Amino acid sequence: MKQTIPTKYTYCPVEHVTAIAGSRWKLIIVYVLRERTMRFGQLHAIVGDISAKVLTNCLRELEADEVLVRHAISPSRVEYSLTEKGRELVPILVELVKWDKKFFPAAVEKVA
């Protein structure tokens, strides 16, 4: 008897997670925010080679997905911090960092 292989899952958790992760920047932003609340300028300086427009879009999308929360202190001062959902991503990201260092040590050396 021939077994039918589905061509598309009705729901694939990996696809959903990668959709939330979206751009290369979103998980970096979560990783940077793991230690403390930060202002936009601080995030922009630490994340590095990202335009203000892209950072703004990523922050908005992460806020919409409830991964981080935006705190408007005053009209000119906004801070970002991780929600519980975002904090639960941190150990996963830490494990990915360990995996990268274990299997791709030359990549770490090139940057250093």
PDB file of N, CA and C in Angstrom:
ATOM      1  N   MET A   1       0.835  -1.172   0.000  1.00  0.00           N
ATOM      2  CA  MET A   1       0.000   0.000   0.000  1.00  0.00           C
ATOM      3  C   MET A   1       0.886   1.244   0.000  1.00  0.00           C
ATOM      4  N   LYS A   2       0.578   2.168  -0.891  1.00  0.00           N
ATOM      5  CA  LYS A   2       1.359   3.388  -1.026  1.00  0.00           C
ATOM      6  C   LYS A   2       0.970   4.391   0.048  1.00  0.00           C
ATOM      7  N   GLN A   3       1.990   4.976   0.694  1.00  0.00           N
ATOM      8  CA  GLN A   3       1.748   5.950   1.756  1.00  0.00           C
ATOM      9  C   GLN A   3       1.761   7.349   1.149  1.00  0.00           C
ATOM     10  N   THR A   4       0.787   8.147   1.519  1.00  0.00           N
ATOM     11  CA  THR A   4       0.702   9.513   1.028  1.00  0.00           C
ATOM     12  C   THR A   4       1.534  10.422   1.926  1.00  0.00           C
ATOM     13  N   ILE A   5       2.374  11.207   1.298  1.00  0.00           N
ATOM     14  CA  ILE A   5       3.211  12.151   2.029  1.00  0.00           C
ATOM     15  C   ILE A   5       2.580  13.526   1.872  1.00  0.00           C
ATOM     16  N   PRO A   6       2.273  14.170   2.981  1.00  0.00           N
ATOM     17  CA  PRO A   6       1.646  15.493   2.871  1.00  0.00           C
ATOM     18  C   PRO A   6       2.598  16.497   2.225  1.00  0.00           C
ATOM     19  N   THR A   7       2.066  17.340   1.383  1.00  0.00           N
ATOM     20  CA  THR A   7       2.907  18.346   0.737  1.00  0.00           C
ATOM     21  C   THR A   7       3.003  19.621   1.560  1.00  0.00           C
ATOM     22  N   LYS A   8       2.023  19.862   2.417  1.00  0.00           N
ATOM     23  CA  LYS A   8       2.045  21.041   3.256  1.00  0.00           C
ATOM     24  C   LYS A   8       1.340  20.739   4.569  1.00  0.00           C
ATOM     25  N   TYR A   9       2.029  21.047   5.673  1.00  0.00           N
ATOM     26  CA  TYR A   9       1.407  20.882   6.979  1.00  0.00           C
ATOM     27  C   TYR A   9       0.337  21.957   7.157  1.00  0.00           C
ATOM     28  N   THR A  10      -0.682  21.636   7.900  1.00  0.00           N
ATOM     29  CA  THR A  10      -1.668  22.661   8.204  1.00  0.00           C
ATOM     30  C   THR A  10      -1.082  23.664   9.186  1.00  0.00           C
ATOM     31  N   TYR A  11      -0.221  23.199  10.072  1.00  0.00           N
ATOM     32  CA  TYR A  11       0.466  24.084  11.001  1.00  0.00           C
ATOM     33  C   TYR A  11       1.849  23.521  11.257  1.00  0.00           C
ATOM     34  N   CYS A  12       2.845  24.312  11.016  1.00  0.00           N
ATOM     35  CA  CYS A  12       4.226  23.882  11.249  1.00  0.00           C
ATOM     36  C   CYS A  12       4.872  24.854  12.238  1.00  0.00           C
ATOM     37  N   PRO A  13       5.177  24.386  13.446  1.00  0.00           N
ATOM     38  CA  PRO A  13       5.775  25.274  14.451  1.00  0.00           C
ATOM     39  C   PRO A  13       7.080  25.922  13.992  1.00  0.00           C
ATOM     40  N   VAL A  14       7.893  25.187  13.245  1.00  0.00           N
ATOM     41  CA  VAL A  14       9.166  25.755  12.788  1.00  0.00           C
ATOM     42  C   VAL A  14       8.902  26.914  11.830  1.00  0.00           C
ATOM     43  N   GLU A  15       7.939  26.739  10.952  1.00  0.00           N
ATOM     44  CA  GLU A  15       7.585  27.814  10.026  1.00  0.00           C
ATOM     45  C   GLU A  15       7.052  29.030  10.789  1.00  0.00           C
ATOM     46  N   HIS A  16       6.252  28.792  11.805  1.00  0.00           N
ATOM     47  CA  HIS A  16       5.699  29.884  12.599  1.00  0.00           C
ATOM     48  C   HIS A  16       6.800  30.637  13.332  1.00  0.00           C
ATOM     49  N   VAL A  17       7.714  29.920  13.948  1.00  0.00           N
ATOM     50  CA  VAL A  17       8.811  30.562  14.688  1.00  0.00           C
ATOM     51  C   VAL A  17       9.709  31.358  13.746  1.00  0.00           C
ATOM     52  N   THR A  18      10.011  30.798  12.585  1.00  0.00           N
ATOM     53  CA  THR A  18      10.859  31.544  11.650  1.00  0.00           C
ATOM     54  C   THR A  18      10.136  32.769  11.105  1.00  0.00           C
ATOM     55  N   ALA A  19       8.825  32.707  11.006  1.00  0.00           N
ATOM     56  CA  ALA A  19       8.054  33.883  10.581  1.00  0.00           C
ATOM     57  C   ALA A  19       8.130  34.978  11.645  1.00  0.00           C
ATOM     58  N   ILE A  20       8.054  34.595  12.902  1.00  0.00           N
ATOM     59  CA  ILE A  20       8.170  35.575  13.992  1.00  0.00           C
ATOM     60  C   ILE A  20       9.591  36.143  14.021  1.00  0.00           C
ATOM     61  N   ALA A  21      10.577  35.265  13.866  1.00  0.00           N
ATOM     62  CA  ALA A  21      11.974  35.710  13.857  1.00  0.00           C
ATOM     63  C   ALA A  21      12.194  36.655  12.681  1.00  0.00           C
ATOM     64  N   GLY A  22      11.558  36.351  11.555  1.00  0.00           N
ATOM     65  CA  GLY A  22      11.580  37.254  10.402  1.00  0.00           C
ATOM     66  C   GLY A  22      12.960  37.558   9.888  1.00  0.00           C
ATOM     67  N   SER A  23      13.370  38.774  10.079  1.00  0.00           N
ATOM     68  CA  SER A  23      14.652  39.227   9.553  1.00  0.00           C
ATOM     69  C   SER A  23      15.807  38.716  10.401  1.00  0.00           C
ATOM     70  N   ARG A  24      16.990  38.909   9.893  1.00  0.00           N
ATOM     71  CA  ARG A  24      18.178  38.503  10.642  1.00  0.00           C
ATOM     72  C   ARG A  24      18.340  39.312  11.914  1.00  0.00           C
ATOM     73  N   TRP A  25      17.672  40.453  12.009  1.00  0.00           N
ATOM     74  CA  TRP A  25      17.874  41.369  13.121  1.00  0.00           C
ATOM     75  C   TRP A  25      17.043  41.064  14.350  1.00  0.00           C
ATOM     76  N   LYS A  26      15.884  40.482  14.195  1.00  0.00           N
ATOM     77  CA  LYS A  26      14.968  40.351  15.331  1.00  0.00           C
ATOM     78  C   LYS A  26      15.545  39.514  16.474  1.00  0.00           C
ATOM     79  N   LEU A  27      16.138  38.394  16.165  1.00  0.00           N
ATOM     80  CA  LEU A  27      16.693  37.570  17.240  1.00  0.00           C
ATOM     81  C   LEU A  27      17.923  38.228  17.867  1.00  0.00           C
ATOM     82  N   ILE A  28      18.641  39.007  17.070  1.00  0.00           N
ATOM     83  CA  ILE A  28      19.769  39.765  17.623  1.00  0.00           C
ATOM     84  C   ILE A  28      19.253  40.792  18.627  1.00  0.00           C
ATOM     85  N   ILE A  29      18.173  41.457  18.286  1.00  0.00           N
ATOM     86  CA  ILE A  29      17.566  42.441  19.187  1.00  0.00           C
ATOM     87  C   ILE A  29      17.137  41.774  20.491  1.00  0.00           C
ATOM     88  N   VAL A  30      16.489  40.622  20.386  1.00  0.00           N
ATOM     89  CA  VAL A  30      16.075  39.889  21.591  1.00  0.00           C
ATOM     90  C   VAL A  30      17.301  39.520  22.420  1.00  0.00           C
ATOM     91  N   TYR A  31      18.348  39.037  21.762  1.00  0.00           N
ATOM     92  CA  TYR A  31      19.563  38.642  22.473  1.00  0.00           C
ATOM     93  C   TYR A  31      20.200  39.837  23.188  1.00  0.00           C
ATOM     94  N   VAL A  32      20.212  40.992  22.534  1.00  0.00           N
ATOM     95  CA  VAL A  32      20.788  42.198  23.128  1.00  0.00           C
ATOM     96  C   VAL A  32      19.959  42.658  24.335  1.00  0.00           C
ATOM     97  N   LEU A  33      18.643  42.545  24.230  1.00  0.00           N
ATOM     98  CA  LEU A  33      17.770  42.984  25.328  1.00  0.00           C
ATOM     99  C   LEU A  33      17.705  41.990  26.490  1.00  0.00           C
ATOM    100  N   ARG A  34      18.396  40.860  26.377  1.00  0.00           N
ATOM    101  CA  ARG A  34      18.297  39.815  27.402  1.00  0.00           C
ATOM    102  C   ARG A  34      18.748  40.289  28.777  1.00  0.00           C
ATOM    103  N   GLU A  35      19.645  41.248  28.830  1.00  0.00           N
ATOM    104  CA  GLU A  35      20.229  41.658  30.100  1.00  0.00           C
ATOM    105  C   GLU A  35      19.559  42.860  30.744  1.00  0.00           C
ATOM    106  N   ARG A  36      18.953  43.736  29.917  1.00  0.00           N
ATOM    107  CA  ARG A  36      18.380  44.943  30.511  1.00  0.00           C
ATOM    108  C   ARG A  36      17.488  45.680  29.524  1.00  0.00           C
ATOM    109  N   THR A  37      16.726  46.604  30.056  1.00  0.00           N
ATOM    110  CA  THR A  37      15.899  47.522  29.271  1.00  0.00           C
ATOM    111  C   THR A  37      16.824  48.512  28.580  1.00  0.00           C
ATOM    112  N   MET A  38      16.498  48.868  27.337  1.00  0.00           N
ATOM    113  CA  MET A  38      17.344  49.812  26.602  1.00  0.00           C
ATOM    114  C   MET A  38      16.509  50.819  25.822  1.00  0.00           C
ATOM    115  N   ARG A  39      17.115  51.951  25.584  1.00  0.00           N
ATOM    116  CA  ARG A  39      16.532  52.972  24.726  1.00  0.00           C
ATOM    117  C   ARG A  39      16.900  52.674  23.280  1.00  0.00           C
ATOM    118  N   PHE A  40      16.180  53.305  22.366  1.00  0.00           N
ATOM    119  CA  PHE A  40      16.393  53.080  20.939  1.00  0.00           C
ATOM    120  C   PHE A  40      17.856  53.302  20.546  1.00  0.00           C
ATOM    121  N   GLY A  41      18.419  54.421  20.984  1.00  0.00           N
ATOM    122  CA  GLY A  41      19.801  54.748  20.624  1.00  0.00           C
ATOM    123  C   GLY A  41      20.805  53.719  21.126  1.00  0.00           C
ATOM    124  N   GLN A  42      20.566  53.202  22.323  1.00  0.00           N
ATOM    125  CA  GLN A  42      21.441  52.167  22.871  1.00  0.00           C
ATOM    126  C   GLN A  42      21.368  50.901  22.009  1.00  0.00           C
ATOM    127  N   LEU A  43      20.145  50.500  21.686  1.00  0.00           N
ATOM    128  CA  LEU A  43      19.966  49.320  20.832  1.00  0.00           C
ATOM    129  C   LEU A  43      20.648  49.523  19.481  1.00  0.00           C
ATOM    130  N   HIS A  44      20.438  50.692  18.908  1.00  0.00           N
ATOM    131  CA  HIS A  44      21.007  50.981  17.587  1.00  0.00           C
ATOM    132  C   HIS A  44      22.527  50.886  17.619  1.00  0.00           C
ATOM    133  N   ALA A  45      23.136  51.402  18.675  1.00  0.00           N
ATOM    134  CA  ALA A  45      24.597  51.372  18.802  1.00  0.00           C
ATOM    135  C   ALA A  45      25.120  49.949  19.001  1.00  0.00           C
ATOM    136  N   ILE A  46      24.418  49.145  19.804  1.00  0.00           N
ATOM    137  CA  ILE A  46      24.894  47.803  20.115  1.00  0.00           C
ATOM    138  C   ILE A  46      24.644  46.828  18.962  1.00  0.00           C
ATOM    139  N   VAL A  47      23.480  46.903  18.357  1.00  0.00           N
ATOM    140  CA  VAL A  47      23.162  45.979  17.255  1.00  0.00           C
ATOM    141  C   VAL A  47      24.094  46.230  16.090  1.00  0.00           C
ATOM    142  N   GLY A  48      24.439  47.477  15.853  1.00  0.00           N
ATOM    143  CA  GLY A  48      25.445  47.768  14.843  1.00  0.00           C
ATOM    144  C   GLY A  48      24.891  48.111  13.484  1.00  0.00           C
ATOM    145  N   ASP A  49      25.273  47.363  12.483  1.00  0.00           N
ATOM    146  CA  ASP A  49      25.023  47.685  11.082  1.00  0.00           C
ATOM    147  C   ASP A  49      23.552  47.504  10.690  1.00  0.00           C
ATOM    148  N   ILE A  50      22.681  48.315  11.271  1.00  0.00           N
ATOM    149  CA  ILE A  50      21.252  48.280  10.988  1.00  0.00           C
ATOM    150  C   ILE A  50      20.774  49.724  10.871  1.00  0.00           C
ATOM    151  N   SER A  51      19.955  49.989   9.876  1.00  0.00           N
ATOM    152  CA  SER A  51      19.440  51.353   9.725  1.00  0.00           C
ATOM    153  C   SER A  51      18.385  51.619  10.796  1.00  0.00           C
ATOM    154  N   ALA A  52      18.173  52.890  11.087  1.00  0.00           N
ATOM    155  CA  ALA A  52      17.162  53.266  12.074  1.00  0.00           C
ATOM    156  C   ALA A  52      15.778  52.810  11.616  1.00  0.00           C
ATOM    157  N   LYS A  53      15.526  52.872  10.326  1.00  0.00           N
ATOM    158  CA  LYS A  53      14.225  52.461   9.788  1.00  0.00           C
ATOM    159  C   LYS A  53      13.989  50.967   9.987  1.00  0.00           C
ATOM    160  N   VAL A  54      14.983  50.159   9.697  1.00  0.00           N
ATOM    161  CA  VAL A  54      14.853  48.704   9.864  1.00  0.00           C
ATOM    162  C   VAL A  54      14.705  48.359  11.344  1.00  0.00           C
ATOM    163  N   LEU A  55      15.498  49.006  12.196  1.00  0.00           N
ATOM    164  CA  LEU A  55      15.386  48.765  13.635  1.00  0.00           C
ATOM    165  C   LEU A  55      13.987  49.120  14.128  1.00  0.00           C
ATOM    166  N   THR A  56      13.466  50.248  13.701  1.00  0.00           N
ATOM    167  CA  THR A  56      12.117  50.660  14.085  1.00  0.00           C
ATOM    168  C   THR A  56      11.091  49.626  13.662  1.00  0.00           C
ATOM    169  N   ASN A  57      11.188  49.152  12.424  1.00  0.00           N
ATOM    170  CA  ASN A  57      10.242  48.138  11.931  1.00  0.00           C
ATOM    171  C   ASN A  57      10.341  46.841  12.724  1.00  0.00           C
ATOM    172  N   CYS A  58      11.562  46.411  13.016  1.00  0.00           N
ATOM    173  CA  CYS A  58      11.758  45.174  13.793  1.00  0.00           C
ATOM    174  C   CYS A  58      11.163  45.324  15.194  1.00  0.00           C
ATOM    175  N   LEU A  59      11.404  46.474  15.825  1.00  0.00           N
ATOM    176  CA  LEU A  59      10.874  46.709  17.164  1.00  0.00           C
ATOM    177  C   LEU A  59       9.346  46.702  17.150  1.00  0.00           C
ATOM    178  N   ARG A  60       8.756  47.299  16.145  1.00  0.00           N
ATOM    179  CA  ARG A  60       7.292  47.312  16.036  1.00  0.00           C
ATOM    180  C   ARG A  60       6.739  45.902  15.860  1.00  0.00           C
ATOM    181  N   GLU A  61       7.393  45.109  15.015  1.00  0.00           N
ATOM    182  CA  GLU A  61       6.941  43.737  14.775  1.00  0.00           C
ATOM    183  C   GLU A  61       7.108  42.870  16.020  1.00  0.00           C
ATOM    184  N   LEU A  62       8.222  43.029  16.714  1.00  0.00           N
ATOM    185  CA  LEU A  62       8.427  42.274  17.953  1.00  0.00           C
ATOM    186  C   LEU A  62       7.420  42.688  19.020  1.00  0.00           C
ATOM    187  N   GLU A  63       7.073  43.964  19.040  1.00  0.00           N
ATOM    188  CA  GLU A  63       6.054  44.431  19.971  1.00  0.00           C
ATOM    189  C   GLU A  63       4.689  43.836  19.597  1.00  0.00           C
ATOM    190  N   ALA A  64       4.367  43.805  18.307  1.00  0.00           N
ATOM    191  CA  ALA A  64       3.092  43.232  17.853  1.00  0.00           C
ATOM    192  C   ALA A  64       3.000  41.745  18.181  1.00  0.00           C
ATOM    193  N   ASP A  65       4.141  41.052  18.148  1.00  0.00           N
ATOM    194  CA  ASP A  65       4.182  39.623  18.489  1.00  0.00           C
ATOM    195  C   ASP A  65       4.315  39.388  19.986  1.00  0.00           C
ATOM    196  N   GLU A  66       4.309  40.474  20.764  1.00  0.00           N
ATOM    197  CA  GLU A  66       4.392  40.439  22.222  1.00  0.00           C
ATOM    198  C   GLU A  66       5.681  39.809  22.738  1.00  0.00           C
ATOM    199  N   VAL A  67       6.757  40.018  21.979  1.00  0.00           N
ATOM    200  CA  VAL A  67       8.076  39.536  22.387  1.00  0.00           C
ATOM    201  C   VAL A  67       8.783  40.607  23.213  1.00  0.00           C
ATOM    202  N   LEU A  68       8.484  41.864  22.918  1.00  0.00           N
ATOM    203  CA  LEU A  68       9.016  42.954  23.719  1.00  0.00           C
ATOM    204  C   LEU A  68       7.916  43.970  23.962  1.00  0.00           C
ATOM    205  N   VAL A  69       8.186  44.848  24.902  1.00  0.00           N
ATOM    206  CA  VAL A  69       7.227  45.902  25.238  1.00  0.00           C
ATOM    207  C   VAL A  69       7.933  47.249  25.130  1.00  0.00           C
ATOM    208  N   ARG A  70       7.201  48.207  24.618  1.00  0.00           N
ATOM    209  CA  ARG A  70       7.694  49.577  24.450  1.00  0.00           C
ATOM    210  C   ARG A  70       7.147  50.421  25.586  1.00  0.00           C
ATOM    211  N   HIS A  71       8.053  51.072  26.324  1.00  0.00           N
ATOM    212  CA  HIS A  71       7.666  51.937  27.442  1.00  0.00           C
ATOM    213  C   HIS A  71       7.929  53.385  27.030  1.00  0.00           C
ATOM    214  N   ALA A  72       6.864  54.170  26.871  1.00  0.00           N
ATOM    215  CA  ALA A  72       7.019  55.588  26.543  1.00  0.00           C
ATOM    216  C   ALA A  72       7.147  56.353  27.858  1.00  0.00           C
ATOM    217  N   ILE A  73       8.350  56.747  28.183  1.00  0.00           N
ATOM    218  CA  ILE A  73       8.623  57.479  29.424  1.00  0.00           C
ATOM    219  C   ILE A  73       8.186  58.944  29.264  1.00  0.00           C
ATOM    220  N   SER A  74       8.512  59.503  28.128  1.00  0.00           N
ATOM    221  CA  SER A  74       8.091  60.856  27.750  1.00  0.00           C
ATOM    222  C   SER A  74       8.034  60.857  26.218  1.00  0.00           C
ATOM    223  N   PRO A  75       7.562  61.944  25.611  1.00  0.00           N
ATOM    224  CA  PRO A  75       7.497  61.942  24.141  1.00  0.00           C
ATOM    225  C   PRO A  75       8.845  61.686  23.453  1.00  0.00           C
ATOM    226  N   SER A  76       9.910  62.076  24.109  1.00  0.00           N
ATOM    227  CA  SER A  76      11.237  61.901  23.500  1.00  0.00           C
ATOM    228  C   SER A  76      12.029  60.738  24.093  1.00  0.00           C
ATOM    229  N   ARG A  77      11.454  60.023  25.030  1.00  0.00           N
ATOM    230  CA  ARG A  77      12.184  58.929  25.662  1.00  0.00           C
ATOM    231  C   ARG A  77      11.332  57.663  25.664  1.00  0.00           C
ATOM    232  N   VAL A  78      11.850  56.646  24.962  1.00  0.00           N
ATOM    233  CA  VAL A  78      11.171  55.357  24.858  1.00  0.00           C
ATOM    234  C   VAL A  78      12.174  54.268  25.218  1.00  0.00           C
ATOM    235  N   GLU A  79      11.727  53.297  25.995  1.00  0.00           N
ATOM    236  CA  GLU A  79      12.575  52.170  26.363  1.00  0.00           C
ATOM    237  C   GLU A  79      11.912  50.878  25.914  1.00  0.00           C
ATOM    238  N   TYR A  80      12.741  49.874  25.676  1.00  0.00           N
ATOM    239  CA  TYR A  80      12.262  48.568  25.245  1.00  0.00           C
ATOM    240  C   TYR A  80      12.775  47.504  26.207  1.00  0.00           C
ATOM    241  N   SER A  81      11.901  46.562  26.525  1.00  0.00           N
ATOM    242  CA  SER A  81      12.301  45.428  27.360  1.00  0.00           C
ATOM    243  C   SER A  81      11.544  44.187  26.894  1.00  0.00           C
ATOM    244  N   LEU A  82      12.084  43.039  27.262  1.00  0.00           N
ATOM    245  CA  LEU A  82      11.474  41.782  26.869  1.00  0.00           C
ATOM    246  C   LEU A  82      10.253  41.473  27.727  1.00  0.00           C
ATOM    247  N   THR A  83       9.278  40.860  27.117  1.00  0.00           N
ATOM    248  CA  THR A  83       8.122  40.336  27.849  1.00  0.00           C
ATOM    249  C   THR A  83       8.484  38.935  28.326  1.00  0.00           C
ATOM    250  N   GLU A  84       7.568  38.281  28.997  1.00  0.00           N
ATOM    251  CA  GLU A  84       7.808  36.894  29.399  1.00  0.00           C
ATOM    252  C   GLU A  84       8.078  36.030  28.172  1.00  0.00           C
ATOM    253  N   LYS A  85       7.306  36.259  27.125  1.00  0.00           N
ATOM    254  CA  LYS A  85       7.491  35.503  25.880  1.00  0.00           C
ATOM    255  C   LYS A  85       8.903  35.719  25.330  1.00  0.00           C
ATOM    256  N   GLY A  86       9.371  36.956  25.376  1.00  0.00           N
ATOM    257  CA  GLY A  86      10.721  37.265  24.904  1.00  0.00           C
ATOM    258  C   GLY A  86      11.791  36.660  25.792  1.00  0.00           C
ATOM    259  N   ARG A  87      11.578  36.731  27.115  1.00  0.00           N
ATOM    260  CA  ARG A  87      12.567  36.165  28.052  1.00  0.00           C
ATOM    261  C   ARG A  87      12.683  34.651  27.883  1.00  0.00           C
ATOM    262  N   GLU A  88      11.587  34.007  27.512  1.00  0.00           N
ATOM    263  CA  GLU A  88      11.649  32.559  27.306  1.00  0.00           C
ATOM    264  C   GLU A  88      12.412  32.180  26.044  1.00  0.00           C
ATOM    265  N   LEU A  89      12.615  33.121  25.152  1.00  0.00           N
ATOM    266  CA  LEU A  89      13.434  32.879  23.961  1.00  0.00           C
ATOM    267  C   LEU A  89      14.933  32.892  24.283  1.00  0.00           C
ATOM    268  N   VAL A  90      15.306  33.614  25.327  1.00  0.00           N
ATOM    269  CA  VAL A  90      16.723  33.823  25.633  1.00  0.00           C
ATOM    270  C   VAL A  90      17.498  32.519  25.816  1.00  0.00           C
ATOM    271  N   PRO A  91      17.029  31.550  26.625  1.00  0.00           N
ATOM    272  CA  PRO A  91      17.802  30.308  26.764  1.00  0.00           C
ATOM    273  C   PRO A  91      17.966  29.563  25.431  1.00  0.00           C
ATOM    274  N   ILE A  92      16.990  29.674  24.568  1.00  0.00           N
ATOM    275  CA  ILE A  92      17.088  29.052  23.247  1.00  0.00           C
ATOM    276  C   ILE A  92      18.179  29.732  22.440  1.00  0.00           C
ATOM    277  N   LEU A  93      18.219  31.053  22.486  1.00  0.00           N
ATOM    278  CA  LEU A  93      19.261  31.792  21.772  1.00  0.00           C
ATOM    279  C   LEU A  93      20.647  31.493  22.343  1.00  0.00           C
ATOM    280  N   VAL A  94      20.737  31.371  23.666  1.00  0.00           N
ATOM    281  CA  VAL A  94      22.021  31.029  24.301  1.00  0.00           C
ATOM    282  C   VAL A  94      22.499  29.667  23.800  1.00  0.00           C
ATOM    283  N   GLU A  95      21.597  28.712  23.696  1.00  0.00           N
ATOM    284  CA  GLU A  95      21.965  27.390  23.183  1.00  0.00           C
ATOM    285  C   GLU A  95      22.393  27.461  21.712  1.00  0.00           C
ATOM    286  N   LEU A  96      21.737  28.298  20.926  1.00  0.00           N
ATOM    287  CA  LEU A  96      22.143  28.482  19.529  1.00  0.00           C
ATOM    288  C   LEU A  96      23.543  29.085  19.445  1.00  0.00           C
ATOM    289  N   VAL A  97      23.843  30.010  20.345  1.00  0.00           N
ATOM    290  CA  VAL A  97      25.185  30.598  20.385  1.00  0.00           C
ATOM    291  C   VAL A  97      26.220  29.523  20.717  1.00  0.00           C
ATOM    292  N   LYS A  98      25.921  28.673  21.689  1.00  0.00           N
ATOM    293  CA  LYS A  98      26.839  27.569  22.053  1.00  0.00           C
ATOM    294  C   LYS A  98      27.037  26.634  20.868  1.00  0.00           C
ATOM    295  N   TRP A  99      25.943  26.302  20.193  1.00  0.00           N
ATOM    296  CA  TRP A  99      26.004  25.410  19.023  1.00  0.00           C
ATOM    297  C   TRP A  99      26.884  26.030  17.939  1.00  0.00           C
ATOM    298  N   ASP A 100      26.713  27.329  17.695  1.00  0.00           N
ATOM    299  CA  ASP A 100      27.509  28.023  16.685  1.00  0.00           C
ATOM    300  C   ASP A 100      28.993  27.990  17.034  1.00  0.00           C
ATOM    301  N   LYS A 101      29.300  28.293  18.299  1.00  0.00           N
ATOM    302  CA  LYS A 101      30.706  28.303  18.723  1.00  0.00           C
ATOM    303  C   LYS A 101      31.334  26.916  18.637  1.00  0.00           C
ATOM    304  N   LYS A 102      30.541  25.878  18.902  1.00  0.00           N
ATOM    305  CA  LYS A 102      31.048  24.509  18.863  1.00  0.00           C
ATOM    306  C   LYS A 102      31.335  24.054  17.433  1.00  0.00           C
ATOM    307  N   PHE A 103      30.408  24.323  16.535  1.00  0.00           N
ATOM    308  CA  PHE A 103      30.530  23.784  15.193  1.00  0.00           C
ATOM    309  C   PHE A 103      31.108  24.740  14.160  1.00  0.00           C
ATOM    310  N   PHE A 104      31.208  26.011  14.486  1.00  0.00           N
ATOM    311  CA  PHE A 104      31.749  26.990  13.556  1.00  0.00           C
ATOM    312  C   PHE A 104      32.767  27.907  14.245  1.00  0.00           C
ATOM    313  N   PRO A 105      33.763  27.332  14.903  1.00  0.00           N
ATOM    314  CA  PRO A 105      34.720  28.166  15.643  1.00  0.00           C
ATOM    315  C   PRO A 105      35.507  29.108  14.734  1.00  0.00           C
ATOM    316  N   ALA A 106      35.725  28.720  13.493  1.00  0.00           N
ATOM    317  CA  ALA A 106      36.476  29.581  12.577  1.00  0.00           C
ATOM    318  C   ALA A 106      35.724  30.878  12.307  1.00  0.00           C
ATOM    319  N   ALA A 107      34.399  30.834  12.285  1.00  0.00           N
ATOM    320  CA  ALA A 107      33.605  32.041  12.058  1.00  0.00           C
ATOM    321  C   ALA A 107      33.794  33.023  13.201  1.00  0.00           C
ATOM    322  N   VAL A 108      33.885  32.532  14.420  1.00  0.00           N
ATOM    323  CA  VAL A 108      34.102  33.393  15.582  1.00  0.00           C
ATOM    324  C   VAL A 108      35.486  34.020  15.499  1.00  0.00           C
ATOM    325  N   GLU A 109      36.475  33.234  15.080  1.00  0.00           N
ATOM    326  CA  GLU A 109      37.848  33.739  14.987  1.00  0.00           C
ATOM    327  C   GLU A 109      37.978  34.817  13.919  1.00  0.00           C
ATOM    328  N   LYS A 110      37.226  34.707  12.811  1.00  0.00           N
ATOM    329  CA  LYS A 110      37.296  35.705  11.743  1.00  0.00           C
ATOM    330  C   LYS A 110      36.842  37.065  12.224  1.00  0.00           C
ATOM    331  N   VAL A 111      35.828  37.085  13.081  1.00  0.00           N
ATOM    332  CA  VAL A 111      35.283  38.341  13.574  1.00  0.00           C
ATOM    333  C   VAL A 111      36.180  38.943  14.647  1.00  0.00           C
ATOM    334  N   ALA A 112      36.775  38.110  15.462  1.00  0.00           N
ATOM    335  CA  ALA A 112      37.584  38.578  16.596  1.00  0.00           C
ATOM    336  C   ALA A 112      38.855  39.262  16.183  1.00  0.00           C
TER     337      ALA A 112
END
